[in-house]
Protein backbone atom coordinates (compact mmCIF):
# COMPACT_ATOMS: atom_id res chain seq x y z
CA UNK A 1 276.99 44.84 37.66
CA UNK A 2 274.37 45.31 40.36
CA UNK A 3 271.73 43.46 42.32
CA UNK A 4 268.13 44.63 42.39
CA UNK A 5 265.95 42.59 44.75
CA UNK A 6 266.07 39.00 43.46
CA UNK A 7 267.85 39.82 40.19
CA UNK A 8 271.47 40.22 39.17
CA UNK A 9 272.35 42.49 36.27
CA UNK A 10 275.62 42.62 34.36
CA UNK A 11 276.08 45.35 31.80
CA UNK A 12 278.66 46.01 29.12
CA UNK A 13 278.63 49.23 27.13
CA UNK A 14 280.75 50.87 24.49
CA UNK A 15 280.76 54.22 22.77
CA UNK A 16 281.41 52.79 19.30
CA UNK A 17 279.51 53.12 16.06
CA UNK A 18 276.33 51.54 17.41
CA UNK A 19 273.65 49.90 15.29
CA UNK A 20 270.66 51.05 13.32
CA UNK A 21 267.21 49.86 14.48
CA UNK A 22 267.16 47.47 11.50
CA UNK A 23 270.53 45.97 12.38
CA UNK A 24 269.54 45.63 16.04
CA UNK A 25 266.29 43.93 15.05
CA UNK A 26 268.14 41.52 12.78
CA UNK A 27 270.12 40.15 15.77
CA UNK A 28 266.97 38.42 17.00
CA UNK A 29 265.90 37.20 13.55
CA UNK A 30 267.11 33.88 12.26
CA UNK A 31 268.29 35.52 9.07
CA UNK A 32 271.83 36.39 8.06
CA UNK A 33 272.98 39.57 9.77
CA UNK A 34 273.32 42.36 7.19
CA UNK A 35 276.88 43.12 8.35
CA UNK A 36 279.56 40.79 6.98
CA UNK A 37 277.20 37.82 6.67
CA UNK A 38 277.12 37.14 10.43
CA UNK A 39 274.36 35.00 11.89
CA UNK A 40 274.38 36.22 15.55
CA UNK A 41 273.74 32.64 16.64
CA UNK A 42 275.79 33.06 19.83
CA UNK A 43 273.76 36.00 21.11
CA UNK A 44 270.45 34.26 20.45
CA UNK A 45 271.76 31.02 21.94
CA UNK A 46 272.80 32.67 25.21
CA UNK A 47 269.49 34.54 25.47
CA UNK A 48 267.39 31.44 24.75
CA UNK A 49 269.34 29.21 27.17
CA UNK A 50 268.92 31.72 29.99
CA UNK A 51 265.18 31.95 29.32
CA UNK A 52 264.83 28.16 29.16
CA UNK A 53 266.60 27.74 32.50
CA UNK A 54 265.21 30.71 34.43
CA UNK A 55 262.11 31.97 32.62
CA UNK A 56 261.14 34.72 30.20
CA UNK A 57 261.86 37.50 32.70
CA UNK A 58 265.60 36.91 32.27
CA UNK A 59 268.09 37.06 29.42
CA UNK A 60 269.82 39.65 27.27
CA UNK A 61 268.66 43.14 26.40
CA UNK A 62 270.51 45.13 23.77
CA UNK A 63 270.18 48.88 23.35
CA UNK A 64 272.03 50.65 20.59
CA UNK A 65 271.97 53.93 18.79
CA UNK A 66 273.82 54.65 15.58
CA UNK A 67 276.98 56.71 16.29
CA UNK A 68 276.38 56.48 20.08
CA UNK A 69 277.37 52.94 21.01
CA UNK A 70 275.74 49.79 22.30
CA UNK A 71 274.76 48.51 25.75
CA UNK A 72 274.10 44.84 26.49
CA UNK A 73 272.44 43.97 29.81
CA UNK A 74 272.31 40.42 31.12
CA UNK A 75 269.59 39.71 33.68
CA UNK A 76 269.78 36.60 35.87
CA UNK A 77 268.01 35.43 39.02
CA UNK A 78 269.92 35.61 42.29
CA UNK A 79 270.35 32.06 43.53
CA UNK A 80 271.05 31.74 47.23
CA UNK A 81 273.64 28.97 47.79
CA UNK A 82 271.99 27.88 51.05
CA UNK A 83 268.64 27.40 49.33
CA UNK A 84 270.29 25.67 46.39
CA UNK A 85 272.17 23.23 48.63
CA UNK A 86 269.00 22.27 50.55
CA UNK A 87 267.42 21.14 47.31
CA UNK A 88 270.23 18.69 46.53
């Protein structure tokens, strides 16, 4: 992970089989995932909850290339504890 200005990024990558553009696109659709009947509800849920709480600038980004692996990046705002405590 790393911090860039007021954002925190966490990234997980693998060098596995990756996904085709169609499969990657289907993660964000509300249709059944073409692989093993999966729905990808968890991925969409996490992304949507982050955006609801922090805005559309944050959430998950998934990059994948067939036969070259997948990278998932989570973007969150940096929340300063001192500022957060003042608001309570």
